PDB file of N, CA and C in Angstrom:
ATOM      1  N   MET A   1       0.812  -1.032  -0.004  1.00  0.00           N
ATOM      2  CA  MET A   1      -0.035  -0.050  -0.177  1.00  0.00           C
ATOM      3  C   MET A   1       0.752   1.123   0.218  1.00  0.00           C
ATOM      4  N   SER A   2       0.537   2.175  -0.621  1.00  0.00           N
ATOM      5  CA  SER A   2       1.407   3.540  -0.701  1.00  0.00           C
ATOM      6  C   SER A   2       1.062   4.316   0.524  1.00  0.00           C
ATOM      7  N   ALA A   3       2.221   4.931   0.694  1.00  0.00           N
ATOM      8  CA  ALA A   3       2.176   5.985   2.127  1.00  0.00           C
ATOM      9  C   ALA A   3       1.341   7.311   1.649  1.00  0.00           C
ATOM     10  N   HIS A   4       1.035   7.722   0.139  1.00  0.00           N
ATOM     11  CA  HIS A   4       0.486   8.613  -0.074  1.00  0.00           C
ATOM     12  C   HIS A   4      -1.018   8.502  -0.271  1.00  0.00           C
ATOM     13  N   GLN A   5      -1.732   8.219   1.091  1.00  0.00           N
ATOM     14  CA  GLN A   5      -3.006   7.962   1.116  1.00  0.00           C
ATOM     15  C   GLN A   5      -3.679   9.924   1.719  1.00  0.00           C
ATOM     16  N   PRO A   6      -4.796   9.652   1.424  1.00  0.00           N
ATOM     17  CA  PRO A   6      -5.410  10.753   2.140  1.00  0.00           C
ATOM     18  C   PRO A   6      -6.016  10.717   3.429  1.00  0.00           C
ATOM     19  N   LEU A   7      -5.254  11.894   4.341  1.00  0.00           N
ATOM     20  CA  LEU A   7      -5.856  12.079   5.540  1.00  0.00           C
ATOM     21  C   LEU A   7      -7.318  12.942   5.710  1.00  0.00           C
ATOM     22  N   ARG A   8      -8.138  12.031   6.139  1.00  0.00           N
ATOM     23  CA  ARG A   8      -9.248  12.676   6.269  1.00  0.00           C
ATOM     24  C   ARG A   8      -9.868  13.392   7.533  1.00  0.00           C
ATOM     25  N   PRO A   9     -10.236  14.558   7.708  1.00  0.00           N
ATOM     26  CA  PRO A   9     -11.062  15.119   6.591  1.00  0.00           C
ATOM     27  C   PRO A   9     -10.652  16.083   5.772  1.00  0.00           C
ATOM     28  N   ASN A  10      -9.307  16.554   6.027  1.00  0.00           N
ATOM     29  CA  ASN A  10      -8.892  17.392   5.268  1.00  0.00           C
ATOM     30  C   ASN A  10      -8.408  17.260   4.329  1.00  0.00           C
ATOM     31  N   TRP A  11      -7.889  15.948   3.694  1.00  0.00           N
ATOM     32  CA  TRP A  11      -7.618  15.448   2.464  1.00  0.00           C
ATOM     33  C   TRP A  11      -6.419  15.968   1.941  1.00  0.00           C
ATOM     34  N   PHE A  12      -5.235  15.940   2.934  1.00  0.00           N
ATOM     35  CA  PHE A  12      -4.058  16.105   2.565  1.00  0.00           C
ATOM     36  C   PHE A  12      -3.268  14.686   2.755  1.00  0.00           C
ATOM     37  N   CYS A  13      -2.159  14.621   2.083  1.00  0.00           N
ATOM     38  CA  CYS A  13      -1.431  13.599   1.723  1.00  0.00           C
ATOM     39  C   CYS A  13      -0.566  12.942   3.091  1.00  0.00           C
ATOM     40  N   ALA A  14      -0.954  11.852   3.560  1.00  0.00           N
ATOM     41  CA  ALA A  14      -0.202  11.489   4.746  1.00  0.00           C
ATOM     42  C   ALA A  14       1.233  11.211   4.556  1.00  0.00           C
ATOM     43  N   GLY A  15       1.596  11.015   3.562  1.00  0.00           N
ATOM     44  CA  GLY A  15       3.279  10.572   3.122  1.00  0.00           C
ATOM     45  C   GLY A  15       3.842  12.057   3.223  1.00  0.00           C
ATOM     46  N   CYS A  16       3.329  12.810   2.739  1.00  0.00           N
ATOM     47  CA  CYS A  16       3.951  14.243   2.251  1.00  0.00           C
ATOM     48  C   CYS A  16       3.369  15.563   2.448  1.00  0.00           C
ATOM     49  N   GLY A  17       2.371  15.311   2.755  1.00  0.00           N
ATOM     50  CA  GLY A  17       1.226  16.863   3.327  1.00  0.00           C
ATOM     51  C   GLY A  17       0.785  17.831   2.131  1.00  0.00           C
ATOM     52  N   HIS A  18       0.857  17.281   1.146  1.00  0.00           N
ATOM     53  CA  HIS A  18       0.209  18.026  -0.118  1.00  0.00           C
ATOM     54  C   HIS A  18      -1.127  17.544  -0.129  1.00  0.00           C
ATOM     55  N   PRO A  19      -1.816  18.606  -0.747  1.00  0.00           N
ATOM     56  CA  PRO A  19      -3.410  18.064  -1.303  1.00  0.00           C
ATOM     57  C   PRO A  19      -3.446  16.875  -1.932  1.00  0.00           C
ATOM     58  N   TRP A  20      -4.227  16.144  -1.664  1.00  0.00           N
ATOM     59  CA  TRP A  20      -4.286  14.574  -2.132  1.00  0.00           C
ATOM     60  C   TRP A  20      -5.470  14.418  -3.387  1.00  0.00           C
ATOM     61  N   PRO A  21      -4.922  14.087  -4.097  1.00  0.00           N
ATOM     62  CA  PRO A  21      -3.837  13.143  -4.878  1.00  0.00           C
ATOM     63  C   PRO A  21      -2.573  14.170  -4.941  1.00  0.00           C
ATOM     64  N   CYS A  22      -1.324  13.741  -4.244  1.00  0.00           N
ATOM     65  CA  CYS A  22      -0.248  14.312  -4.357  1.00  0.00           C
ATOM     66  C   CYS A  22       0.221  13.976  -5.568  1.00  0.00           C
ATOM     67  N   PRO A  23       1.267  14.564  -5.832  1.00  0.00           N
ATOM     68  CA  PRO A  23       2.114  14.318  -7.318  1.00  0.00           C
ATOM     69  C   PRO A  23       2.522  12.947  -7.133  1.00  0.00           C
ATOM     70  N   SER A  24       2.931  12.452  -6.209  1.00  0.00           N
ATOM     71  CA  SER A  24       3.643  10.905  -5.988  1.00  0.00           C
ATOM     72  C   SER A  24       2.382  10.306  -6.388  1.00  0.00           C
ATOM     73  N   ARG A  25       1.167  10.455  -5.627  1.00  0.00           N
ATOM     74  CA  ARG A  25       0.098   9.232  -5.761  1.00  0.00           C
ATOM     75  C   ARG A  25      -0.266   9.691  -6.959  1.00  0.00           C
ATOM     76  N   ARG A  26      -0.353  10.909  -7.780  1.00  0.00           N
ATOM     77  CA  ARG A  26      -0.923  10.936  -9.245  1.00  0.00           C
ATOM     78  C   ARG A  26      -0.051   9.790 -10.040  1.00  0.00           C
ATOM     79  N   ASN A  27       1.150  10.101 -10.247  1.00  0.00           N
ATOM     80  CA  ASN A  27       2.041   9.281 -10.683  1.00  0.00           C
ATOM     81  C   ASN A  27       1.722   7.589 -10.198  1.00  0.00           C
ATOM     82  N   GLN A  28       1.480   7.315  -9.098  1.00  0.00           N
ATOM     83  CA  GLN A  28       1.080   6.052  -9.042  1.00  0.00           C
ATOM     84  C   GLN A  28       0.207   5.361  -9.509  1.00  0.00           C
ATOM     85  N   LEU A  29      -1.067   6.345  -9.510  1.00  0.00           N
ATOM     86  CA  LEU A  29      -2.436   6.025  -9.862  1.00  0.00           C
ATOM     87  C   LEU A  29      -2.283   6.039 -11.388  1.00  0.00           C
ATOM     88  N   LEU A  30      -1.576   6.830 -12.233  1.00  0.00           N
ATOM     89  CA  LEU A  30      -1.386   6.530 -13.774  1.00  0.00           C
ATOM     90  C   LEU A  30      -1.157   5.031 -14.062  1.00  0.00           C
ATOM     91  N   ALA A  31      -0.178   4.858 -13.415  1.00  0.00           N
ATOM     92  CA  ALA A  31       0.881   3.544 -13.651  1.00  0.00           C
ATOM     93  C   ALA A  31      -0.351   2.386 -13.178  1.00  0.00           C
ATOM     94  N   GLN A  32      -0.948   2.446 -11.971  1.00  0.00           N
ATOM     95  CA  GLN A  32      -1.691   1.444 -11.737  1.00  0.00           C
ATOM     96  C   GLN A  32      -3.131   1.393 -12.792  1.00  0.00           C
ATOM     97  N   TYR A  33      -3.369   2.630 -13.350  1.00  0.00           N
ATOM     98  CA  TYR A  33      -4.578   2.410 -14.161  1.00  0.00           C
ATOM     99  C   TYR A  33      -4.402   3.026 -15.607  1.00  0.00           C
ATOM    100  N   THR A  34      -3.077   2.591 -15.835  1.00  0.00           N
ATOM    101  CA  THR A  34      -2.652   2.785 -17.020  1.00  0.00           C
ATOM    102  C   THR A  34      -3.356   2.291 -18.364  1.00  0.00           C
ATOM    103  N   ASP A  35      -4.086   0.939 -18.146  1.00  0.00           N
ATOM    104  CA  ASP A  35      -4.999   0.895 -19.350  1.00  0.00           C
ATOM    105  C   ASP A  35      -6.330   0.783 -19.113  1.00  0.00           C
ATOM    106  N   ALA A  36      -6.687   1.877 -17.770  1.00  0.00           N
ATOM    107  CA  ALA A  36      -7.926   1.982 -17.332  1.00  0.00           C
ATOM    108  C   ALA A  36      -8.019   3.244 -17.117  1.00  0.00           C
ATOM    109  N   PRO A  37      -7.988   4.205 -18.122  1.00  0.00           N
ATOM    110  CA  PRO A  37      -8.490   5.771 -17.891  1.00  0.00           C
ATOM    111  C   PRO A  37      -9.762   5.943 -17.359  1.00  0.00           C
ATOM    112  N   VAL A  38     -10.803   5.450 -17.776  1.00  0.00           N
ATOM    113  CA  VAL A  38     -12.187   5.575 -17.444  1.00  0.00           C
ATOM    114  C   VAL A  38     -12.322   5.211 -15.808  1.00  0.00           C
ATOM    115  N   SER A  39     -11.777   3.862 -15.699  1.00  0.00           N
ATOM    116  CA  SER A  39     -11.862   3.600 -14.307  1.00  0.00           C
ATOM    117  C   SER A  39     -10.796   4.529 -13.220  1.00  0.00           C
ATOM    118  N   LEU A  40      -9.831   4.886 -13.591  1.00  0.00           N
ATOM    119  CA  LEU A  40      -9.000   5.959 -12.850  1.00  0.00           C
ATOM    120  C   LEU A  40     -10.060   7.305 -12.578  1.00  0.00           C
ATOM    121  N   ALA A  41     -10.486   7.583 -13.806  1.00  0.00           N
ATOM    122  CA  ALA A  41     -11.759   8.989 -13.562  1.00  0.00           C
ATOM    123  C   ALA A  41     -12.611   8.669 -12.510  1.00  0.00           C
ATOM    124  N   LEU A  42     -12.810   7.379 -12.568  1.00  0.00           N
ATOM    125  CA  LEU A  42     -14.285   7.186 -11.511  1.00  0.00           C
ATOM    126  C   LEU A  42     -13.840   6.961 -10.377  1.00  0.00           C
ATOM    127  N   VAL A  43     -12.583   6.583 -10.098  1.00  0.00           N
ATOM    128  CA  VAL A  43     -11.785   6.615  -8.563  1.00  0.00           C
ATOM    129  C   VAL A  43     -11.668   7.928  -8.506  1.00  0.00           C
ATOM    130  N   LEU A  44     -11.313   8.794  -8.961  1.00  0.00           N
ATOM    131  CA  LEU A  44     -11.003  10.053  -8.675  1.00  0.00           C
ATOM    132  C   LEU A  44     -12.205  11.079  -8.328  1.00  0.00           C
ATOM    133  N   GLY A  45     -13.154  10.547  -9.405  1.00  0.00           N
ATOM    134  CA  GLY A  45     -14.343  11.308  -9.230  1.00  0.00           C
ATOM    135  C   GLY A  45     -15.033  11.100  -7.773  1.00  0.00           C
ATOM    136  N   THR A  46     -15.222   9.711  -7.119  1.00  0.00           N
ATOM    137  CA  THR A  46     -15.721   9.267  -6.184  1.00  0.00           C
ATOM    138  C   THR A  46     -15.262   9.896  -5.040  1.00  0.00           C
ATOM    139  N   ALA A  47     -13.923   9.984  -5.163  1.00  0.00           N
ATOM    140  CA  ALA A  47     -12.830  10.657  -4.339  1.00  0.00           C
ATOM    141  C   ALA A  47     -13.508  12.357  -4.057  1.00  0.00           C
ATOM    142  N   MET A  48     -13.669  12.621  -4.980  1.00  0.00           N
ATOM    143  CA  MET A  48     -14.047  14.227  -4.990  1.00  0.00           C
ATOM    144  C   MET A  48     -15.320  14.342  -4.635  1.00  0.00           C
ATOM    145  N   ILE A  49     -16.372  13.417  -4.712  1.00  0.00           N
ATOM    146  CA  ILE A  49     -17.690  13.649  -4.165  1.00  0.00           C
ATOM    147  C   ILE A  49     -17.707  13.602  -2.321  1.00  0.00           C
ATOM    148  N   GLU A  50     -16.834  12.315  -2.079  1.00  0.00           N
ATOM    149  CA  GLU A  50     -16.381  12.248  -0.424  1.00  0.00           C
ATOM    150  C   GLU A  50     -16.003  13.619  -0.227  1.00  0.00           C
ATOM    151  N   ALA A  51     -14.494  14.182  -0.565  1.00  0.00           N
ATOM    152  CA  ALA A  51     -13.905  15.465  -0.296  1.00  0.00           C
ATOM    153  C   ALA A  51     -15.245  16.493   0.130  1.00  0.00           C
ATOM    154  N   ALA A  52     -15.955  16.769  -0.933  1.00  0.00           N
ATOM    155  CA  ALA A  52     -16.985  17.675  -1.159  1.00  0.00           C
ATOM    156  C   ALA A  52     -17.710  17.681   0.176  1.00  0.00           C
ATOM    157  N   ALA A  53     -18.018  16.553   0.435  1.00  0.00           N
ATOM    158  CA  ALA A  53     -18.857  16.301   1.742  1.00  0.00           C
ATOM    159  C   ALA A  53     -18.048  16.781   2.993  1.00  0.00           C
ATOM    160  N   GLU A  54     -16.654  16.680   2.936  1.00  0.00           N
ATOM    161  CA  GLU A  54     -16.046  17.010   4.309  1.00  0.00           C
ATOM    162  C   GLU A  54     -15.417  18.553   4.081  1.00  0.00           C
ATOM    163  N   LEU A  55     -15.373  18.921   2.921  1.00  0.00           N
ATOM    164  CA  LEU A  55     -14.683  20.382   2.404  1.00  0.00           C
ATOM    165  C   LEU A  55     -15.538  21.423   1.939  1.00  0.00           C
ATOM    166  N   ARG A  56     -16.432  21.371   3.066  1.00  0.00           N
ATOM    167  CA  ARG A  56     -17.859  22.299   2.211  1.00  0.00           C
ATOM    168  C   ARG A  56     -17.441  24.018   2.079  1.00  0.00           C
ATOM    169  N   ASN A  57     -15.881  24.365   2.543  1.00  0.00           N
ATOM    170  CA  ASN A  57     -15.787  25.533   2.200  1.00  0.00           C
ATOM    171  C   ASN A  57     -14.684  25.857   0.894  1.00  0.00           C
ATOM    172  N   VAL A  58     -14.615  24.437   0.478  1.00  0.00           N
ATOM    173  CA  VAL A  58     -13.775  24.682  -0.635  1.00  0.00           C
ATOM    174  C   VAL A  58     -14.616  24.658  -1.811  1.00  0.00           C
ATOM    175  N   PRO A  59     -14.331  25.498  -2.634  1.00  0.00           N
ATOM    176  CA  PRO A  59     -15.482  25.919  -4.097  1.00  0.00           C
ATOM    177  C   PRO A  59     -14.991  24.440  -4.772  1.00  0.00           C
ATOM    178  N   ALA A  60     -16.080  24.497  -5.444  1.00  0.00           N
ATOM    179  CA  ALA A  60     -16.442  23.020  -6.598  1.00  0.00           C
ATOM    180  C   ALA A  60     -15.204  23.130  -7.341  1.00  0.00           C
ATOM    181  N   GLY A  61     -14.727  23.959  -8.214  1.00  0.00           N
ATOM    182  CA  GLY A  61     -13.651  24.309  -9.112  1.00  0.00           C
ATOM    183  C   GLY A  61     -12.619  23.911  -8.561  1.00  0.00           C
ATOM    184  N   GLU A  62     -12.116  24.424  -7.409  1.00  0.00           N
ATOM    185  CA  GLU A  62     -11.145  23.847  -6.836  1.00  0.00           C
ATOM    186  C   GLU A  62     -10.912  22.339  -6.343  1.00  0.00           C
ATOM    187  N   LEU A  63     -11.913  21.918  -6.026  1.00  0.00           N
ATOM    188  CA  LEU A  63     -11.870  20.280  -5.875  1.00  0.00           C
ATOM    189  C   LEU A  63     -11.851  19.588  -7.135  1.00  0.00           C
ATOM    190  N   HIS A  64     -12.148  20.082  -8.316  1.00  0.00           N
ATOM    191  CA  HIS A  64     -12.464  19.563  -9.450  1.00  0.00           C
ATOM    192  C   HIS A  64     -10.863  19.520 -10.030  1.00  0.00           C
ATOM    193  N   ASP A  65     -10.269  20.644  -9.851  1.00  0.00           N
ATOM    194  CA  ASP A  65      -9.068  20.782 -10.068  1.00  0.00           C
ATOM    195  C   ASP A  65      -7.961  20.054  -9.645  1.00  0.00           C
ATOM    196  N   GLN A  66      -8.333  19.671  -8.316  1.00  0.00           N
ATOM    197  CA  GLN A  66      -7.484  18.903  -7.238  1.00  0.00           C
ATOM    198  C   GLN A  66      -7.492  17.074  -7.545  1.00  0.00           C
ATOM    199  N   PHE A  67      -8.705  16.904  -7.681  1.00  0.00           N
ATOM    200  CA  PHE A  67      -9.062  15.380  -7.840  1.00  0.00           C
ATOM    201  C   PHE A  67      -9.258  15.054  -9.349  1.00  0.00           C
ATOM    202  N   VAL A  68      -9.768  15.670 -10.465  1.00  0.00           N
ATOM    203  CA  VAL A  68      -9.985  15.087 -11.411  1.00  0.00           C
ATOM    204  C   VAL A  68      -9.239  16.018 -12.802  1.00  0.00           C
ATOM    205  N   GLY A  69      -9.306  17.329 -12.543  1.00  0.00           N
ATOM    206  CA  GLY A  69      -8.726  18.519 -13.328  1.00  0.00           C
ATOM    207  C   GLY A  69      -7.184  18.088 -14.144  1.00  0.00           C
ATOM    208  N   TRP A  70      -6.734  17.540 -13.227  1.00  0.00           N
ATOM    209  CA  TRP A  70      -4.968  17.338 -13.853  1.00  0.00           C
ATOM    210  C   TRP A  70      -4.884  16.053 -14.737  1.00  0.00           C
ATOM    211  N   LEU A  71      -6.263  15.135 -14.655  1.00  0.00           N
ATOM    212  CA  LEU A  71      -6.218  14.064 -15.705  1.00  0.00           C
ATOM    213  C   LEU A  71      -6.367  14.717 -17.065  1.00  0.00           C
ATOM    214  N   SER A  72      -6.574  15.666 -17.370  1.00  0.00           N
ATOM    215  CA  SER A  72      -6.706  16.407 -18.671  1.00  0.00           C
ATOM    216  C   SER A  72      -5.470  16.663 -19.262  1.00  0.00           C
ATOM    217  N   GLY A  73      -4.408  16.701 -18.374  1.00  0.00           N
ATOM    218  CA  GLY A  73      -3.279  16.978 -18.973  1.00  0.00           C
ATOM    219  C   GLY A  73      -2.699  15.639 -19.473  1.00  0.00           C
ATOM    220  N   TYR A  74      -2.954  14.395 -19.332  1.00  0.00           N
ATOM    221  CA  TYR A  74      -2.483  13.367 -19.502  1.00  0.00           C
ATOM    222  C   TYR A  74      -3.318  12.824 -20.598  1.00  0.00           C
ATOM    223  N   ARG A  75      -2.503  12.314 -21.445  1.00  0.00           N
ATOM    224  CA  ARG A  75      -3.531  11.460 -22.694  1.00  0.00           C
ATOM    225  C   ARG A  75      -2.970  10.328 -22.578  1.00  0.00           C
ATOM    226  N   HIS A  76      -3.844   9.343 -22.922  1.00  0.00           N
ATOM    227  CA  HIS A  76      -3.758   7.909 -22.835  1.00  0.00           C
ATOM    228  C   HIS A  76      -3.608   7.230 -24.384  1.00  0.00           C
ATOM    229  N   ASP A  77      -2.296   7.724 -25.089  1.00  0.00           N
ATOM    230  CA  ASP A  77      -2.424   6.829 -26.360  1.00  0.00           C
ATOM    231  C   ASP A  77      -2.232   5.587 -26.529  1.00  0.00           C
ATOM    232  N   ARG A  78      -3.058   4.646 -27.419  1.00  0.00           N
ATOM    233  CA  ARG A  78      -2.963   3.516 -27.594  1.00  0.00           C
ATOM    234  C   ARG A  78      -2.187   3.449 -28.803  1.00  0.00           C
ATOM    235  N   ALA A  79      -1.482   2.076 -29.185  1.00  0.00           N
ATOM    236  CA  ALA A  79      -1.079   2.021 -30.560  1.00  0.00           C
ATOM    237  C   ALA A  79      -2.328   1.482 -31.383  1.00  0.00           C
TER     238      ALA A  79
END
């Protein structure tokens, strides 16, 4: 199991203290779901919904950027 798990209810990384998913966890998730990008988006979307219930003072756009917005920067090109 990764040390880069979310500490709830503030959703910071237990391993490095950055907002979760931190850069290390993002890289791990990309490697883990390399052949399943839709599944990765679903996992992160579910985490975003859970975080929204606990982080009521954080604007939805910020939660989107933190949890799923960064996925658009990564392309999954298949041969």
